[in-house]
């Protein structure tokens, strides 16, 4: 299962998005103003193994967290691999704010990032 939100902001129109479509084919790289977008990925361990009501609760919580931020341009939840992808208009601190909002409502969500040296 793949959840794509903000479909009207995709870089193309009239093309059906099928489950398993690679992100590089659907994720927008630039905002409406032409500036590059920032993005991040979170892992939600074991999400696909949970009962449907628990998955629905998590989806609702993710939606609540993300809708609070107008900078969010694109969201994809790949339930097959338990990965959330979020693309945003750049603003200092926006990714930290979003990750914090998500983790407040979905505490098991983990930011995927490079370990600093």
C-alpha atoms as a PDB file:
ATOM      1  CA  UNK A   1       0.000   0.000   0.000  1.00  0.00           C
ATOM      2  CA  UNK A   2       1.283   3.421  -0.875  1.00  0.00           C
ATOM      3  CA  UNK A   3      -0.325   6.638   0.310  1.00  0.00           C
ATOM      4  CA  UNK A   4       0.353   9.729  -1.761  1.00  0.00           C
ATOM      5  CA  UNK A   5      -0.894  13.017  -0.382  1.00  0.00           C
ATOM      6  CA  UNK A   6      -0.946  16.400  -2.089  1.00  0.00           C
ATOM      7  CA  UNK A   7      -1.345  14.645  -5.462  1.00  0.00           C
ATOM      8  CA  UNK A   8      -2.079  17.966  -7.191  1.00  0.00           C
ATOM      9  CA  UNK A   9       1.515  19.059  -6.479  1.00  0.00           C
ATOM     10  CA  UNK A  10       3.074  16.177  -8.389  1.00  0.00           C
ATOM     11  CA  UNK A  11       5.403  17.127 -11.252  1.00  0.00           C
ATOM     12  CA  UNK A  12       3.042  15.656 -13.843  1.00  0.00           C
ATOM     13  CA  UNK A  13      -0.687  15.403 -14.299  1.00  0.00           C
ATOM     14  CA  UNK A  14      -3.000  12.796 -15.725  1.00  0.00           C
ATOM     15  CA  UNK A  15      -0.652   9.911 -14.939  1.00  0.00           C
ATOM     16  CA  UNK A  16      -1.898   7.180 -12.614  1.00  0.00           C
ATOM     17  CA  UNK A  17       0.305   6.332  -9.667  1.00  0.00           C
ATOM     18  CA  UNK A  18       0.432   2.618  -9.109  1.00  0.00           C
ATOM     19  CA  UNK A  19       1.607   0.838  -5.976  1.00  0.00           C
ATOM     20  CA  UNK A  20       5.343   0.335  -6.175  1.00  0.00           C
ATOM     21  CA  UNK A  21       6.040   3.336  -8.408  1.00  0.00           C
ATOM     22  CA  UNK A  22       9.631   4.411  -7.604  1.00  0.00           C
ATOM     23  CA  UNK A  23       9.842   7.672  -5.691  1.00  0.00           C
ATOM     24  CA  UNK A  24      12.321   9.142  -8.152  1.00  0.00           C
ATOM     25  CA  UNK A  25       9.515   9.075 -10.726  1.00  0.00           C
ATOM     26  CA  UNK A  26       6.916  10.869  -8.602  1.00  0.00           C
ATOM     27  CA  UNK A  27       8.620  13.075  -6.003  1.00  0.00           C
ATOM     28  CA  UNK A  28       8.674  16.739  -7.008  1.00  0.00           C
ATOM     29  CA  UNK A  29      12.136  18.294  -6.904  1.00  0.00           C
ATOM     30  CA  UNK A  30      11.167  21.963  -7.129  1.00  0.00           C
ATOM     31  CA  UNK A  31       8.359  24.025  -5.634  1.00  0.00           C
ATOM     32  CA  UNK A  32       5.896  26.183  -7.521  1.00  0.00           C
ATOM     33  CA  UNK A  33       8.334  29.090  -7.200  1.00  0.00           C
ATOM     34  CA  UNK A  34      11.097  27.052  -8.876  1.00  0.00           C
ATOM     35  CA  UNK A  35      13.193  26.699  -5.714  1.00  0.00           C
ATOM     36  CA  UNK A  36      14.494  23.235  -4.810  1.00  0.00           C
ATOM     37  CA  UNK A  37      12.554  21.279  -2.197  1.00  0.00           C
ATOM     38  CA  UNK A  38      14.028  19.626   0.893  1.00  0.00           C
ATOM     39  CA  UNK A  39      12.976  16.161   1.932  1.00  0.00           C
ATOM     40  CA  UNK A  40      13.423  13.572   4.628  1.00  0.00           C
ATOM     41  CA  UNK A  41      12.566   9.965   5.289  1.00  0.00           C
ATOM     42  CA  UNK A  42      11.270   8.270   8.429  1.00  0.00           C
ATOM     43  CA  UNK A  43      10.992   4.602   9.276  1.00  0.00           C
ATOM     44  CA  UNK A  44       7.962   3.392  11.233  1.00  0.00           C
ATOM     45  CA  UNK A  45       9.054  -0.087  12.369  1.00  0.00           C
ATOM     46  CA  UNK A  46       6.433  -2.821  12.202  1.00  0.00           C
ATOM     47  CA  UNK A  47       3.653  -0.578  10.880  1.00  0.00           C
ATOM     48  CA  UNK A  48       2.536  -2.971   8.142  1.00  0.00           C
ATOM     49  CA  UNK A  49       2.238  -5.831  10.676  1.00  0.00           C
ATOM     50  CA  UNK A  50      -0.221  -4.000  12.903  1.00  0.00           C
ATOM     51  CA  UNK A  51      -3.987  -4.479  12.834  1.00  0.00           C
ATOM     52  CA  UNK A  52      -5.843  -2.245  10.378  1.00  0.00           C
ATOM     53  CA  UNK A  53      -7.288  -0.034  13.136  1.00  0.00           C
ATOM     54  CA  UNK A  54      -3.749   0.667  14.415  1.00  0.00           C
ATOM     55  CA  UNK A  55      -2.547   1.492  10.893  1.00  0.00           C
ATOM     56  CA  UNK A  56      -5.521   3.846  10.448  1.00  0.00           C
ATOM     57  CA  UNK A  57      -4.740   5.550  13.767  1.00  0.00           C
ATOM     58  CA  UNK A  58      -1.132   6.062  12.671  1.00  0.00           C
ATOM     59  CA  UNK A  59      -2.256   7.476   9.306  1.00  0.00           C
ATOM     60  CA  UNK A  60      -4.613   9.901  11.043  1.00  0.00           C
ATOM     61  CA  UNK A  61      -1.845  10.994  13.418  1.00  0.00           C
ATOM     62  CA  UNK A  62       0.571  11.512  10.522  1.00  0.00           C
ATOM     63  CA  UNK A  63      -2.016  13.591   8.716  1.00  0.00           C
ATOM     64  CA  UNK A  64      -2.611  15.733  11.829  1.00  0.00           C
ATOM     65  CA  UNK A  65       1.121  16.327  12.257  1.00  0.00           C
ATOM     66  CA  UNK A  66       1.756  17.196   8.611  1.00  0.00           C
ATOM     67  CA  UNK A  67      -1.286  19.390   8.003  1.00  0.00           C
ATOM     68  CA  UNK A  68      -0.073  21.838  10.661  1.00  0.00           C
ATOM     69  CA  UNK A  69       2.761  22.881   8.342  1.00  0.00           C
ATOM     70  CA  UNK A  70       2.033  24.737   5.132  1.00  0.00           C
ATOM     71  CA  UNK A  71       5.529  23.967   3.850  1.00  0.00           C
ATOM     72  CA  UNK A  72       4.635  20.311   3.193  1.00  0.00           C
ATOM     73  CA  UNK A  73       4.446  19.733  -0.557  1.00  0.00           C
ATOM     74  CA  UNK A  74       4.450  15.939  -0.934  1.00  0.00           C
ATOM     75  CA  UNK A  75       3.958  12.928   1.343  1.00  0.00           C
ATOM     76  CA  UNK A  76       4.327   9.243   0.511  1.00  0.00           C
ATOM     77  CA  UNK A  77       3.835   6.397   2.965  1.00  0.00           C
ATOM     78  CA  UNK A  78       5.068   3.079   1.629  1.00  0.00           C
ATOM     79  CA  UNK A  79       3.468   0.545   3.922  1.00  0.00           C
ATOM     80  CA  UNK A  80       5.290  -2.346   2.278  1.00  0.00           C
ATOM     81  CA  UNK A  81       8.611  -1.079   3.659  1.00  0.00           C
ATOM     82  CA  UNK A  82       7.232   1.076   6.521  1.00  0.00           C
ATOM     83  CA  UNK A  83       8.796   4.269   5.141  1.00  0.00           C
ATOM     84  CA  UNK A  84       7.405   7.796   5.199  1.00  0.00           C
ATOM     85  CA  UNK A  85       8.810  10.303   2.681  1.00  0.00           C
ATOM     86  CA  UNK A  86       8.089  14.020   3.068  1.00  0.00           C
ATOM     87  CA  UNK A  87       9.084  16.854   0.712  1.00  0.00           C
ATOM     88  CA  UNK A  88       8.855  20.451   1.922  1.00  0.00           C
ATOM     89  CA  UNK A  89       9.494  24.000   0.804  1.00  0.00           C
ATOM     90  CA  UNK A  90      12.806  25.033   2.335  1.00  0.00           C
ATOM     91  CA  UNK A  91      12.789  27.102   5.497  1.00  0.00           C
ATOM     92  CA  UNK A  92      15.369  27.022   8.293  1.00  0.00           C
ATOM     93  CA  UNK A  93      14.284  24.509  10.935  1.00  0.00           C
ATOM     94  CA  UNK A  94      11.266  23.092   9.078  1.00  0.00           C
ATOM     95  CA  UNK A  95      12.522  19.501   9.011  1.00  0.00           C
ATOM     96  CA  UNK A  96      13.246  19.500  12.741  1.00  0.00           C
ATOM     97  CA  UNK A  97       9.787  20.976  13.404  1.00  0.00           C
ATOM     98  CA  UNK A  98       8.078  18.350  11.246  1.00  0.00           C
ATOM     99  CA  UNK A  99      10.019  15.432  12.705  1.00  0.00           C
ATOM    100  CA  UNK A 100       9.200  16.644  16.211  1.00  0.00           C
ATOM    101  CA  UNK A 101       5.498  16.987  15.332  1.00  0.00           C
ATOM    102  CA  UNK A 102       5.424  13.515  13.813  1.00  0.00           C
ATOM    103  CA  UNK A 103       7.243  11.904  16.738  1.00  0.00           C
ATOM    104  CA  UNK A 104       4.896  13.581  19.208  1.00  0.00           C
ATOM    105  CA  UNK A 105       1.929  11.770  17.623  1.00  0.00           C
ATOM    106  CA  UNK A 106       3.764   8.699  16.275  1.00  0.00           C
ATOM    107  CA  UNK A 107       6.560   8.134  18.826  1.00  0.00           C
ATOM    108  CA  UNK A 108       7.875   4.998  17.126  1.00  0.00           C
ATOM    109  CA  UNK A 109       8.723   6.960  13.931  1.00  0.00           C
ATOM    110  CA  UNK A 110      12.489   7.194  13.399  1.00  0.00           C
ATOM    111  CA  UNK A 111      14.282   9.782  11.274  1.00  0.00           C
ATOM    112  CA  UNK A 112      16.588   8.189   8.720  1.00  0.00           C
ATOM    113  CA  UNK A 113      19.774  10.246   8.646  1.00  0.00           C
ATOM    114  CA  UNK A 114      23.496  10.005   8.262  1.00  0.00           C
ATOM    115  CA  UNK A 115      25.410   9.689  11.509  1.00  0.00           C
ATOM    116  CA  UNK A 116      27.502  12.829  12.012  1.00  0.00           C
ATOM    117  CA  UNK A 117      31.264  12.298  12.130  1.00  0.00           C
END
